[in-house]
Amino acid sequence: MSDKHDDSCSCCDNEEEILTLTDDEGNETDFVIIEGLEYNNILYLALVEAEHAEDEECEFIILKNLSENDEDVLVSIDDESEFNAVRDLFEKKFEASGMFEFGEADSDIDEE
C-alpha cells in the first residue's frame, strides 16, 4: 500500500495521536492513529508505526478496542472473517478519502 500524503491525510496532521504499544517480548513501538471505525458496535483502529508515518509507502495494522475492568484495551483480531470484514471497510474508507492507494501484494513470497 502506498500513502498519498495530502491535506486530508490524518497521519500528517500536527495533532496526531501517538500510542505506545508493547508486544509480547516487551518491545515498545510508537504508533499514529490514522483512522477509526465502528463495526458491530466495536471500535477498531488503524495504526501506522510513527517512524514510518511520513513514508511514501507504509503499512497499517488494525486493532480492536475492548473495555476490560473499565479500561480500554487494544487487542489483535483473532477471527479471520471479522478481520477481513474490518480490513475491507478500512480499505474502502481510505480509498474513498484518497488517503491510501492499495496495490497487489508482493509476489516474492515463496509458495509451497
PDB file of N, CA and C in Angstrom:
ATOM      1  N   MET A   1       0.850  -1.152   0.000  1.00  0.00           N
ATOM      2  CA  MET A   1       0.000   0.000   0.000  1.00  0.00           C
ATOM      3  C   MET A   1       0.889   1.204   0.000  1.00  0.00           C
ATOM      4  N   SER A   2       0.538   2.195  -0.775  1.00  0.00           N
ATOM      5  CA  SER A   2       1.315   3.421  -0.750  1.00  0.00           C
ATOM      6  C   SER A   2       0.443   4.550  -0.245  1.00  0.00           C
ATOM      7  N   ASP A   3       1.054   5.437   0.460  1.00  0.00           N
ATOM      8  CA  ASP A   3       0.377   6.519   1.139  1.00  0.00           C
ATOM      9  C   ASP A   3       0.408   7.754   0.254  1.00  0.00           C
ATOM     10  N   LYS A   4      -0.750   8.330  -0.077  1.00  0.00           N
ATOM     11  CA  LYS A   4      -0.824   9.573  -0.830  1.00  0.00           C
ATOM     12  C   LYS A   4      -1.002  10.703   0.175  1.00  0.00           C
ATOM     13  N   HIS A   5       0.088  11.302   0.612  1.00  0.00           N
ATOM     14  CA  HIS A   5       0.005  12.364   1.609  1.00  0.00           C
ATOM     15  C   HIS A   5      -0.554  13.626   0.969  1.00  0.00           C
ATOM     16  N   ASP A   6      -1.692  14.056   1.476  1.00  0.00           N
ATOM     17  CA  ASP A   6      -2.280  15.314   1.037  1.00  0.00           C
ATOM     18  C   ASP A   6      -2.942  15.979   2.238  1.00  0.00           C
ATOM     19  N   ASP A   7      -3.716  17.033   2.008  1.00  0.00           N
ATOM     20  CA  ASP A   7      -4.306  17.790   3.103  1.00  0.00           C
ATOM     21  C   ASP A   7      -5.269  16.974   3.951  1.00  0.00           C
ATOM     22  N   SER A   8      -5.837  15.888   3.399  1.00  0.00           N
ATOM     23  CA  SER A   8      -6.795  15.086   4.160  1.00  0.00           C
ATOM     24  C   SER A   8      -6.143  13.930   4.906  1.00  0.00           C
ATOM     25  N   CYS A   9      -4.848  13.796   4.773  1.00  0.00           N
ATOM     26  CA  CYS A   9      -4.145  12.670   5.388  1.00  0.00           C
ATOM     27  C   CYS A   9      -3.957  12.912   6.874  1.00  0.00           C
ATOM     28  N   SER A  10      -4.646  12.130   7.696  1.00  0.00           N
ATOM     29  CA  SER A  10      -4.594  12.358   9.136  1.00  0.00           C
ATOM     30  C   SER A  10      -3.245  12.011   9.743  1.00  0.00           C
ATOM     31  N   CYS A  11      -2.429  11.191   9.073  1.00  0.00           N
ATOM     32  CA  CYS A  11      -1.129  10.866   9.661  1.00  0.00           C
ATOM     33  C   CYS A  11      -0.141  12.012   9.496  1.00  0.00           C
ATOM     34  N   CYS A  12      -0.520  13.048   8.764  1.00  0.00           N
ATOM     35  CA  CYS A  12       0.354  14.212   8.598  1.00  0.00           C
ATOM     36  C   CYS A  12      -0.105  15.391   9.445  1.00  0.00           C
ATOM     37  N   ASP A  13      -1.217  15.260  10.130  1.00  0.00           N
ATOM     38  CA  ASP A  13      -1.718  16.343  10.963  1.00  0.00           C
ATOM     39  C   ASP A  13      -0.725  16.655  12.073  1.00  0.00           C
ATOM     40  N   ASN A  14      -0.696  17.918  12.462  1.00  0.00           N
ATOM     41  CA  ASN A  14       0.165  18.307  13.576  1.00  0.00           C
ATOM     42  C   ASN A  14      -0.368  17.784  14.895  1.00  0.00           C
ATOM     43  N   GLU A  15      -1.644  17.435  14.942  1.00  0.00           N
ATOM     44  CA  GLU A  15      -2.267  16.967  16.170  1.00  0.00           C
ATOM     45  C   GLU A  15      -2.445  15.453  16.177  1.00  0.00           C
ATOM     46  N   GLU A  16      -1.491  14.734  15.577  1.00  0.00           N
ATOM     47  CA  GLU A  16      -1.622  13.283  15.518  1.00  0.00           C
ATOM     48  C   GLU A  16      -1.514  12.687  16.914  1.00  0.00           C
ATOM     49  N   GLU A  17      -2.288  11.652  17.114  1.00  0.00           N
ATOM     50  CA  GLU A  17      -2.293  10.972  18.413  1.00  0.00           C
ATOM     51  C   GLU A  17      -1.340   9.791  18.350  1.00  0.00           C
ATOM     52  N   ILE A  18      -0.388   9.765  19.284  1.00  0.00           N
ATOM     53  CA  ILE A  18       0.612   8.705  19.344  1.00  0.00           C
ATOM     54  C   ILE A  18       0.253   7.735  20.470  1.00  0.00           C
ATOM     55  N   LEU A  19       0.266   6.460  20.150  1.00  0.00           N
ATOM     56  CA  LEU A  19       0.075   5.401  21.142  1.00  0.00           C
ATOM     57  C   LEU A  19       1.358   4.591  21.216  1.00  0.00           C
ATOM     58  N   THR A  20       1.794   4.260  22.403  1.00  0.00           N
ATOM     59  CA  THR A  20       2.937   3.372  22.582  1.00  0.00           C
ATOM     60  C   THR A  20       2.398   2.005  22.961  1.00  0.00           C
ATOM     61  N   LEU A  21       2.670   1.018  22.111  1.00  0.00           N
ATOM     62  CA  LEU A  21       2.199  -0.341  22.340  1.00  0.00           C
ATOM     63  C   LEU A  21       3.384  -1.240  22.682  1.00  0.00           C
ATOM     64  N   THR A  22       3.145  -2.211  23.533  1.00  0.00           N
ATOM     65  CA  THR A  22       4.170  -3.153  23.954  1.00  0.00           C
ATOM     66  C   THR A  22       3.811  -4.538  23.425  1.00  0.00           C
ATOM     67  N   ASP A  23       4.759  -5.174  22.719  1.00  0.00           N
ATOM     68  CA  ASP A  23       4.487  -6.505  22.172  1.00  0.00           C
ATOM     69  C   ASP A  23       4.751  -7.582  23.227  1.00  0.00           C
ATOM     70  N   ASP A  24       4.592  -8.841  22.840  1.00  0.00           N
ATOM     71  CA  ASP A  24       4.737  -9.970  23.763  1.00  0.00           C
ATOM     72  C   ASP A  24       6.139 -10.092  24.354  1.00  0.00           C
ATOM     73  N   GLU A  25       7.150  -9.574  23.635  1.00  0.00           N
ATOM     74  CA  GLU A  25       8.531  -9.644  24.125  1.00  0.00           C
ATOM     75  C   GLU A  25       8.920  -8.412  24.949  1.00  0.00           C
ATOM     76  N   GLY A  26       7.977  -7.481  25.163  1.00  0.00           N
ATOM     77  CA  GLY A  26       8.260  -6.288  25.949  1.00  0.00           C
ATOM     78  C   GLY A  26       8.821  -5.124  25.153  1.00  0.00           C
ATOM     79  N   ASN A  27       8.874  -5.243  23.818  1.00  0.00           N
ATOM     80  CA  ASN A  27       9.364  -4.152  22.975  1.00  0.00           C
ATOM     81  C   ASN A  27       8.280  -3.104  22.797  1.00  0.00           C
ATOM     82  N   GLU A  28       8.642  -1.829  22.968  1.00  0.00           N
ATOM     83  CA  GLU A  28       7.679  -0.738  22.804  1.00  0.00           C
ATOM     84  C   GLU A  28       7.835  -0.103  21.425  1.00  0.00           C
ATOM     85  N   THR A  29       6.701   0.193  20.792  1.00  0.00           N
ATOM     86  CA  THR A  29       6.678   0.834  19.484  1.00  0.00           C
ATOM     87  C   THR A  29       5.612   1.919  19.506  1.00  0.00           C
ATOM     88  N   ASP A  30       5.960   3.094  18.966  1.00  0.00           N
ATOM     89  CA  ASP A  30       5.009   4.197  18.868  1.00  0.00           C
ATOM     90  C   ASP A  30       4.227   4.075  17.573  1.00  0.00           C
ATOM     91  N   PHE A  31       2.909   4.278  17.664  1.00  0.00           N
ATOM     92  CA  PHE A  31       2.024   4.225  16.509  1.00  0.00           C
ATOM     93  C   PHE A  31       1.204   5.507  16.431  1.00  0.00           C
ATOM     94  N   VAL A  32       0.856   5.890  15.210  1.00  0.00           N
ATOM     95  CA  VAL A  32      -0.039   7.008  14.963  1.00  0.00           C
ATOM     96  C   VAL A  32      -1.406   6.425  14.606  1.00  0.00           C
ATOM     97  N   ILE A  33      -2.448   6.922  15.234  1.00  0.00           N
ATOM     98  CA  ILE A  33      -3.808   6.519  14.872  1.00  0.00           C
ATOM     99  C   ILE A  33      -4.172   7.258  13.592  1.00  0.00           C
ATOM    100  N   ILE A  34      -4.432   6.516  12.523  1.00  0.00           N
ATOM    101  CA  ILE A  34      -4.783   7.169  11.269  1.00  0.00           C
ATOM    102  C   ILE A  34      -6.278   7.165  10.999  1.00  0.00           C
ATOM    103  N   GLU A  35      -6.993   6.238  11.620  1.00  0.00           N
ATOM    104  CA  GLU A  35      -8.443   6.190  11.394  1.00  0.00           C
ATOM    105  C   GLU A  35      -9.076   5.234  12.394  1.00  0.00           C
ATOM    106  N   GLY A  36     -10.328   5.435  12.640  1.00  0.00           N
ATOM    107  CA  GLY A  36     -11.114   4.536  13.464  1.00  0.00           C
ATOM    108  C   GLY A  36     -12.466   4.317  12.822  1.00  0.00           C
ATOM    109  N   LEU A  37     -13.063   3.196  13.096  1.00  0.00           N
ATOM    110  CA  LEU A  37     -14.421   2.937  12.622  1.00  0.00           C
ATOM    111  C   LEU A  37     -15.097   1.962  13.557  1.00  0.00           C
ATOM    112  N   GLU A  38     -16.425   1.994  13.536  1.00  0.00           N
ATOM    113  CA  GLU A  38     -17.205   1.088  14.352  1.00  0.00           C
ATOM    114  C   GLU A  38     -17.838   0.031  13.460  1.00  0.00           C
ATOM    115  N   TYR A  39     -17.735  -1.212  13.906  1.00  0.00           N
ATOM    116  CA  TYR A  39     -18.310  -2.348  13.192  1.00  0.00           C
ATOM    117  C   TYR A  39     -18.887  -3.283  14.243  1.00  0.00           C
ATOM    118  N   ASN A  40     -20.171  -3.622  14.104  1.00  0.00           N
ATOM    119  CA  ASN A  40     -20.858  -4.475  15.084  1.00  0.00           C
ATOM    120  C   ASN A  40     -20.699  -3.948  16.507  1.00  0.00           C
ATOM    121  N   ASN A  41     -20.835  -2.633  16.652  1.00  0.00           N
ATOM    122  CA  ASN A  41     -20.761  -1.948  17.947  1.00  0.00           C
ATOM    123  C   ASN A  41     -19.405  -2.068  18.641  1.00  0.00           C
ATOM    124  N   ILE A  42     -18.357  -2.314  17.876  1.00  0.00           N
ATOM    125  CA  ILE A  42     -16.995  -2.377  18.414  1.00  0.00           C
ATOM    126  C   ILE A  42     -16.145  -1.380  17.643  1.00  0.00           C
ATOM    127  N   LEU A  43     -15.294  -0.635  18.362  1.00  0.00           N
ATOM    128  CA  LEU A  43     -14.396   0.323  17.740  1.00  0.00           C
ATOM    129  C   LEU A  43     -13.118  -0.379  17.300  1.00  0.00           C
ATOM    130  N   TYR A  44     -12.704  -0.110  16.057  1.00  0.00           N
ATOM    131  CA  TYR A  44     -11.460  -0.631  15.506  1.00  0.00           C
ATOM    132  C   TYR A  44     -10.595   0.554  15.116  1.00  0.00           C
ATOM    133  N   LEU A  45      -9.281   0.429  15.318  1.00  0.00           N
ATOM    134  CA  LEU A  45      -8.351   1.499  14.983  1.00  0.00           C
ATOM    135  C   LEU A  45      -7.340   1.005  13.965  1.00  0.00           C
ATOM    136  N   ALA A  46      -7.054   1.855  12.979  1.00  0.00           N
ATOM    137  CA  ALA A  46      -5.976   1.599  12.030  1.00  0.00           C
ATOM    138  C   ALA A  46      -4.788   2.436  12.488  1.00  0.00           C
ATOM    139  N   LEU A  47      -3.628   1.791  12.616  1.00  0.00           N
ATOM    140  CA  LEU A  47      -2.430   2.436  13.147  1.00  0.00           C
ATOM    141  C   LEU A  47      -1.258   2.245  12.193  1.00  0.00           C
ATOM    142  N   VAL A  48      -0.386   3.261  12.143  1.00  0.00           N
ATOM    143  CA  VAL A  48       0.851   3.192  11.380  1.00  0.00           C
ATOM    144  C   VAL A  48       1.989   3.458  12.352  1.00  0.00           C
ATOM    145  N   GLU A  49       3.088   2.714  12.222  1.00  0.00           N
ATOM    146  CA  GLU A  49       4.241   2.985  13.073  1.00  0.00           C
ATOM    147  C   GLU A  49       4.650   4.437  12.891  1.00  0.00           C
ATOM    148  N   ALA A  50       4.849   5.143  13.990  1.00  0.00           N
ATOM    149  CA  ALA A  50       5.149   6.575  13.952  1.00  0.00           C
ATOM    150  C   ALA A  50       6.376   6.873  13.104  1.00  0.00           C
ATOM    151  N   GLU A  51       7.392   6.028  13.173  1.00  0.00           N
ATOM    152  CA  GLU A  51       8.607   6.292  12.409  1.00  0.00           C
ATOM    153  C   GLU A  51       8.399   6.122  10.907  1.00  0.00           C
ATOM    154  N   HIS A  52       7.305   5.496  10.477  1.00  0.00           N
ATOM    155  CA  HIS A  52       7.026   5.299   9.051  1.00  0.00           C
ATOM    156  C   HIS A  52       5.823   6.109   8.566  1.00  0.00           C
ATOM    157  N   ALA A  53       5.234   6.922   9.432  1.00  0.00           N
ATOM    158  CA  ALA A  53       4.019   7.654   9.076  1.00  0.00           C
ATOM    159  C   ALA A  53       4.228   8.618   7.916  1.00  0.00           C
ATOM    160  N   GLU A  54       5.431   9.096   7.727  1.00  0.00           N
ATOM    161  CA  GLU A  54       5.718  10.035   6.640  1.00  0.00           C
ATOM    162  C   GLU A  54       6.229   9.341   5.385  1.00  0.00           C
ATOM    163  N   ASP A  55       6.439   8.023   5.447  1.00  0.00           N
ATOM    164  CA  ASP A  55       6.960   7.284   4.296  1.00  0.00           C
ATOM    165  C   ASP A  55       5.964   7.292   3.155  1.00  0.00           C
ATOM    166  N   GLU A  56       6.495   7.270   1.939  1.00  0.00           N
ATOM    167  CA  GLU A  56       5.623   7.215   0.770  1.00  0.00           C
ATOM    168  C   GLU A  56       4.820   5.923   0.762  1.00  0.00           C
ATOM    169  N   GLU A  57       5.435   4.835   1.170  1.00  0.00           N
ATOM    170  CA  GLU A  57       4.743   3.558   1.296  1.00  0.00           C
ATOM    171  C   GLU A  57       4.836   3.125   2.751  1.00  0.00           C
ATOM    172  N   CYS A  58       3.700   2.794   3.331  1.00  0.00           N
ATOM    173  CA  CYS A  58       3.693   2.345   4.715  1.00  0.00           C
ATOM    174  C   CYS A  58       2.568   1.336   4.896  1.00  0.00           C
ATOM    175  N   GLU A  59       2.685   0.540   5.927  1.00  0.00           N
ATOM    176  CA  GLU A  59       1.671  -0.456   6.245  1.00  0.00           C
ATOM    177  C   GLU A  59       0.927  -0.027   7.493  1.00  0.00           C
ATOM    178  N   PHE A  60      -0.340  -0.416   7.559  1.00  0.00           N
ATOM    179  CA  PHE A  60      -1.096  -0.142   8.782  1.00  0.00           C
ATOM    180  C   PHE A  60      -1.509  -1.458   9.417  1.00  0.00           C
ATOM    181  N   ILE A  61      -1.743  -1.392  10.719  1.00  0.00           N
ATOM    182  CA  ILE A  61      -2.273  -2.536  11.445  1.00  0.00           C
ATOM    183  C   ILE A  61      -3.664  -2.164  11.942  1.00  0.00           C
ATOM    184  N   ILE A  62      -4.461  -3.160  12.218  1.00  0.00           N
ATOM    185  CA  ILE A  62      -5.812  -2.941  12.732  1.00  0.00           C
ATOM    186  C   ILE A  62      -5.921  -3.633  14.081  1.00  0.00           C
ATOM    187  N   LEU A  63      -6.371  -2.876  15.071  1.00  0.00           N
ATOM    188  CA  LEU A  63      -6.586  -3.436  16.397  1.00  0.00           C
ATOM    189  C   LEU A  63      -8.010  -3.152  16.848  1.00  0.00           C
ATOM    190  N   LYS A  64      -8.522  -4.034  17.675  1.00  0.00           N
ATOM    191  CA  LYS A  64      -9.876  -3.923  18.219  1.00  0.00           C
ATOM    192  C   LYS A  64      -9.784  -3.292  19.601  1.00  0.00           C
ATOM    193  N   ASN A  65     -10.665  -2.322  19.868  1.00  0.00           N
ATOM    194  CA  ASN A  65     -10.710  -1.645  21.159  1.00  0.00           C
ATOM    195  C   ASN A  65     -11.788  -2.304  22.021  1.00  0.00           C
ATOM    196  N   LEU A  66     -11.370  -2.879  23.146  1.00  0.00           N
ATOM    197  CA  LEU A  66     -12.294  -3.516  24.074  1.00  0.00           C
ATOM    198  C   LEU A  66     -12.174  -2.852  25.440  1.00  0.00           C
ATOM    199  N   SER A  67     -13.244  -2.908  26.210  1.00  0.00           N
ATOM    200  CA  SER A  67     -13.207  -2.412  27.585  1.00  0.00           C
ATOM    201  C   SER A  67     -13.059  -3.592  28.530  1.00  0.00           C
ATOM    202  N   GLU A  68     -12.032  -3.523  29.365  1.00  0.00           N
ATOM    203  CA  GLU A  68     -11.804  -4.544  30.385  1.00  0.00           C
ATOM    204  C   GLU A  68     -11.587  -3.836  31.708  1.00  0.00           C
ATOM    205  N   ASN A  69     -12.440  -4.140  32.688  1.00  0.00           N
ATOM    206  CA  ASN A  69     -12.339  -3.509  34.003  1.00  0.00           C
ATOM    207  C   ASN A  69     -12.352  -1.986  33.903  1.00  0.00           C
ATOM    208  N   ASP A  70     -13.294  -1.441  33.125  1.00  0.00           N
ATOM    209  CA  ASP A  70     -13.449  -0.005  32.910  1.00  0.00           C
ATOM    210  C   ASP A  70     -12.217   0.651  32.287  1.00  0.00           C
ATOM    211  N   GLU A  71     -11.423  -0.118  31.566  1.00  0.00           N
ATOM    212  CA  GLU A  71     -10.227   0.399  30.912  1.00  0.00           C
ATOM    213  C   GLU A  71     -10.226  -0.062  29.453  1.00  0.00           C
ATOM    214  N   ASP A  72      -9.879   0.845  28.529  1.00  0.00           N
ATOM    215  CA  ASP A  72      -9.791   0.481  27.124  1.00  0.00           C
ATOM    216  C   ASP A  72      -8.520  -0.307  26.867  1.00  0.00           C
ATOM    217  N   VAL A  73      -8.652  -1.398  26.105  1.00  0.00           N
ATOM    218  CA  VAL A  73      -7.527  -2.261  25.770  1.00  0.00           C
ATOM    219  C   VAL A  73      -7.579  -2.514  24.270  1.00  0.00           C
ATOM    220  N   LEU A  74      -6.425  -2.399  23.597  1.00  0.00           N
ATOM    221  CA  LEU A  74      -6.330  -2.719  22.177  1.00  0.00           C
ATOM    222  C   LEU A  74      -5.818  -4.137  22.030  1.00  0.00           C
ATOM    223  N   VAL A  75      -6.547  -4.937  21.230  1.00  0.00           N
ATOM    224  CA  VAL A  75      -6.182  -6.336  21.027  1.00  0.00           C
ATOM    225  C   VAL A  75      -6.199  -6.662  19.543  1.00  0.00           C
ATOM    226  N   SER A  76      -5.448  -7.699  19.173  1.00  0.00           N
ATOM    227  CA  SER A  76      -5.468  -8.151  17.788  1.00  0.00           C
ATOM    228  C   SER A  76      -6.789  -8.859  17.508  1.00  0.00           C
ATOM    229  N   ILE A  77      -7.097  -8.975  16.232  1.00  0.00           N
ATOM    230  CA  ILE A  77      -8.343  -9.622  15.806  1.00  0.00           C
ATOM    231  C   ILE A  77      -8.006 -11.063  15.434  1.00  0.00           C
ATOM    232  N   ASP A  78      -8.490 -12.007  16.223  1.00  0.00           N
ATOM    233  CA  ASP A  78      -8.167 -13.420  16.004  1.00  0.00           C
ATOM    234  C   ASP A  78      -9.055 -14.092  14.964  1.00  0.00           C
ATOM    235  N   ASP A  79     -10.292 -13.646  14.840  1.00  0.00           N
ATOM    236  CA  ASP A  79     -11.242 -14.247  13.908  1.00  0.00           C
ATOM    237  C   ASP A  79     -10.964 -13.732  12.489  1.00  0.00           C
ATOM    238  N   GLU A  80     -10.661 -14.650  11.569  1.00  0.00           N
ATOM    239  CA  GLU A  80     -10.288 -14.269  10.205  1.00  0.00           C
ATOM    240  C   GLU A  80     -11.410 -13.541   9.465  1.00  0.00           C
ATOM    241  N   SER A  81     -12.648 -13.994   9.614  1.00  0.00           N
ATOM    242  CA  SER A  81     -13.751 -13.341   8.902  1.00  0.00           C
ATOM    243  C   SER A  81     -14.004 -11.939   9.461  1.00  0.00           C
ATOM    244  N   GLU A  82     -13.868 -11.776  10.771  1.00  0.00           N
ATOM    245  CA  GLU A  82     -14.011 -10.458  11.387  1.00  0.00           C
ATOM    246  C   GLU A  82     -12.900  -9.531  10.879  1.00  0.00           C
ATOM    247  N   PHE A  83     -11.659 -10.030  10.869  1.00  0.00           N
ATOM    248  CA  PHE A  83     -10.538  -9.221  10.391  1.00  0.00           C
ATOM    249  C   PHE A  83     -10.742  -8.801   8.939  1.00  0.00           C
ATOM    250  N   ASN A  84     -11.115  -9.744   8.079  1.00  0.00           N
ATOM    251  CA  ASN A  84     -11.314  -9.445   6.658  1.00  0.00           C
ATOM    252  C   ASN A  84     -12.408  -8.410   6.453  1.00  0.00           C
ATOM    253  N   ALA A  85     -13.502  -8.514   7.200  1.00  0.00           N
ATOM    254  CA  ALA A  85     -14.599  -7.552   7.072  1.00  0.00           C
ATOM    255  C   ALA A  85     -14.147  -6.153   7.488  1.00  0.00           C
ATOM    256  N   VAL A  86     -13.431  -6.066   8.600  1.00  0.00           N
ATOM    257  CA  VAL A  86     -12.964  -4.764   9.088  1.00  0.00           C
ATOM    258  C   VAL A  86     -11.902  -4.188   8.150  1.00  0.00           C
ATOM    259  N   ARG A  87     -10.982  -5.037   7.681  1.00  0.00           N
ATOM    260  CA  ARG A  87      -9.959  -4.575   6.735  1.00  0.00           C
ATOM    261  C   ARG A  87     -10.606  -4.005   5.472  1.00  0.00           C
ATOM    262  N   ASP A  88     -11.611  -4.711   4.952  1.00  0.00           N
ATOM    263  CA  ASP A  88     -12.301  -4.228   3.758  1.00  0.00           C
ATOM    264  C   ASP A  88     -12.963  -2.873   4.002  1.00  0.00           C
ATOM    265  N   LEU A  89     -13.562  -2.695   5.173  1.00  0.00           N
ATOM    266  CA  LEU A  89     -14.180  -1.404   5.495  1.00  0.00           C
ATOM    267  C   LEU A  89     -13.143  -0.286   5.563  1.00  0.00           C
ATOM    268  N   PHE A  90     -12.000  -0.551   6.187  1.00  0.00           N
ATOM    269  CA  PHE A  90     -10.933   0.447   6.239  1.00  0.00           C
ATOM    270  C   PHE A  90     -10.423   0.766   4.836  1.00  0.00           C
ATOM    271  N   GLU A  91     -10.186  -0.255   4.026  1.00  0.00           N
ATOM    272  CA  GLU A  91      -9.671  -0.022   2.675  1.00  0.00           C
ATOM    273  C   GLU A  91     -10.636   0.829   1.861  1.00  0.00           C
ATOM    274  N   LYS A  92     -11.935   0.547   1.946  1.00  0.00           N
ATOM    275  CA  LYS A  92     -12.926   1.353   1.230  1.00  0.00           C
ATOM    276  C   LYS A  92     -12.923   2.787   1.732  1.00  0.00           C
ATOM    277  N   LYS A  93     -12.820   2.950   3.037  1.00  0.00           N
ATOM    278  CA  LYS A  93     -12.798   4.288   3.627  1.00  0.00           C
ATOM    279  C   LYS A  93     -11.551   5.051   3.193  1.00  0.00           C
ATOM    280  N   PHE A  94     -10.397   4.389   3.192  1.00  0.00           N
ATOM    281  CA  PHE A  94      -9.147   5.026   2.793  1.00  0.00           C
ATOM    282  C   PHE A  94      -9.151   5.380   1.308  1.00  0.00           C
ATOM    283  N   GLU A  95      -9.619   4.460   0.488  1.00  0.00           N
ATOM    284  CA  GLU A  95      -9.651   4.719  -0.952  1.00  0.00           C
ATOM    285  C   GLU A  95     -10.605   5.863  -1.282  1.00  0.00           C
ATOM    286  N   ALA A  96     -11.758   5.918  -0.612  1.00  0.00           N
ATOM    287  CA  ALA A  96     -12.730   6.986  -0.849  1.00  0.00           C
ATOM    288  C   ALA A  96     -12.173   8.352  -0.453  1.00  0.00           C
ATOM    289  N   SER A  97     -11.355   8.377   0.606  1.00  0.00           N
ATOM    290  CA  SER A  97     -10.797   9.644   1.068  1.00  0.00           C
ATOM    291  C   SER A  97      -9.529  10.022   0.309  1.00  0.00           C
ATOM    292  N   GLY A  98      -8.967   9.082  -0.455  1.00  0.00           N
ATOM    293  CA  GLY A  98      -7.719   9.333  -1.157  1.00  0.00           C
ATOM    294  C   GLY A  98      -6.504   9.231  -0.252  1.00  0.00           C
ATOM    295  N   MET A  99      -6.695   8.701   0.969  1.00  0.00           N
ATOM    296  CA  MET A  99      -5.595   8.629   1.934  1.00  0.00           C
ATOM    297  C   MET A  99      -4.539   7.608   1.508  1.00  0.00           C
ATOM    298  N   PHE A 100      -4.966   6.448   0.998  1.00  0.00           N
ATOM    299  CA  PHE A 100      -4.049   5.396   0.597  1.00  0.00           C
ATOM    300  C   PHE A 100      -4.464   4.851  -0.752  1.00  0.00           C
ATOM    301  N   GLU A 101      -3.482   4.298  -1.465  1.00  0.00           N
ATOM    302  CA  GLU A 101      -3.734   3.506  -2.655  1.00  0.00           C
ATOM    303  C   GLU A 101      -3.302   2.097  -2.337  1.00  0.00           C
ATOM    304  N   PHE A 102      -4.093   1.120  -2.730  1.00  0.00           N
ATOM    305  CA  PHE A 102      -3.772  -0.264  -2.434  1.00  0.00           C
ATOM    306  C   PHE A 102      -3.345  -0.955  -3.709  1.00  0.00           C
ATOM    307  N   GLY A 103      -2.178  -1.583  -3.664  1.00  0.00           N
ATOM    308  CA  GLY A 103      -1.661  -2.329  -4.799  1.00  0.00           C
ATOM    309  C   GLY A 103      -1.734  -3.808  -4.509  1.00  0.00           C
ATOM    310  N   GLU A 104      -1.246  -4.564  -5.458  1.00  0.00           N
ATOM    311  CA  GLU A 104      -1.200  -6.018  -5.285  1.00  0.00           C
ATOM    312  C   GLU A 104      -0.114  -6.373  -4.289  1.00  0.00           C
ATOM    313  N   ALA A 105      -0.298  -7.481  -3.599  1.00  0.00           N
ATOM    314  CA  ALA A 105       0.709  -7.962  -2.655  1.00  0.00           C
ATOM    315  C   ALA A 105       1.968  -8.345  -3.412  1.00  0.00           C
ATOM    316  N   ASP A 106       3.101  -8.200  -2.746  1.00  0.00           N
ATOM    317  CA  ASP A 106       4.366  -8.592  -3.358  1.00  0.00           C
ATOM    318  C   ASP A 106       4.330 -10.057  -3.729  1.00  0.00           C
ATOM    319  N   SER A 107       4.881 -10.370  -4.895  1.00  0.00           N
ATOM    320  CA  SER A 107       4.855 -11.761  -5.349  1.00  0.00           C
ATOM    321  C   SER A 107       6.159 -12.490  -5.047  1.00  0.00           C
ATOM    322  N   ASP A 108       7.001 -11.913  -4.186  1.00  0.00           N
ATOM    323  CA  ASP A 108       8.269 -12.558  -3.887  1.00  0.00           C
ATOM    324  C   ASP A 108       8.180 -13.547  -2.738  1.00  0.00           C
ATOM    325  N   ILE A 109       6.974 -13.868  -2.303  1.00  0.00           N
ATOM    326  CA  ILE A 109       6.778 -14.839  -1.233  1.00  0.00           C
ATOM    327  C   ILE A 109       6.777 -16.232  -1.835  1.00  0.00           C
ATOM    328  N   ASP A 110       7.599 -17.108  -1.277  1.00  0.00           N
ATOM    329  CA  ASP A 110       7.671 -18.490  -1.775  1.00  0.00           C
ATOM    330  C   ASP A 110       6.406 -19.237  -1.418  1.00  0.00           C
ATOM    331  N   GLU A 111       5.798 -19.845  -2.420  1.00  0.00           N
ATOM    332  CA  GLU A 111       4.599 -20.662  -2.188  1.00  0.00           C
ATOM    333  C   GLU A 111       5.024 -22.120  -2.221  1.00  0.00           C
ATOM    334  N   GLU A 112       4.507 -22.861  -1.272  1.00  0.00           N
ATOM    335  CA  GLU A 112       4.850 -24.271  -1.198  1.00  0.00           C
ATOM    336  C   GLU A 112       3.778 -25.097  -1.823  1.00  0.00           C
TER     337      GLU A 112
END
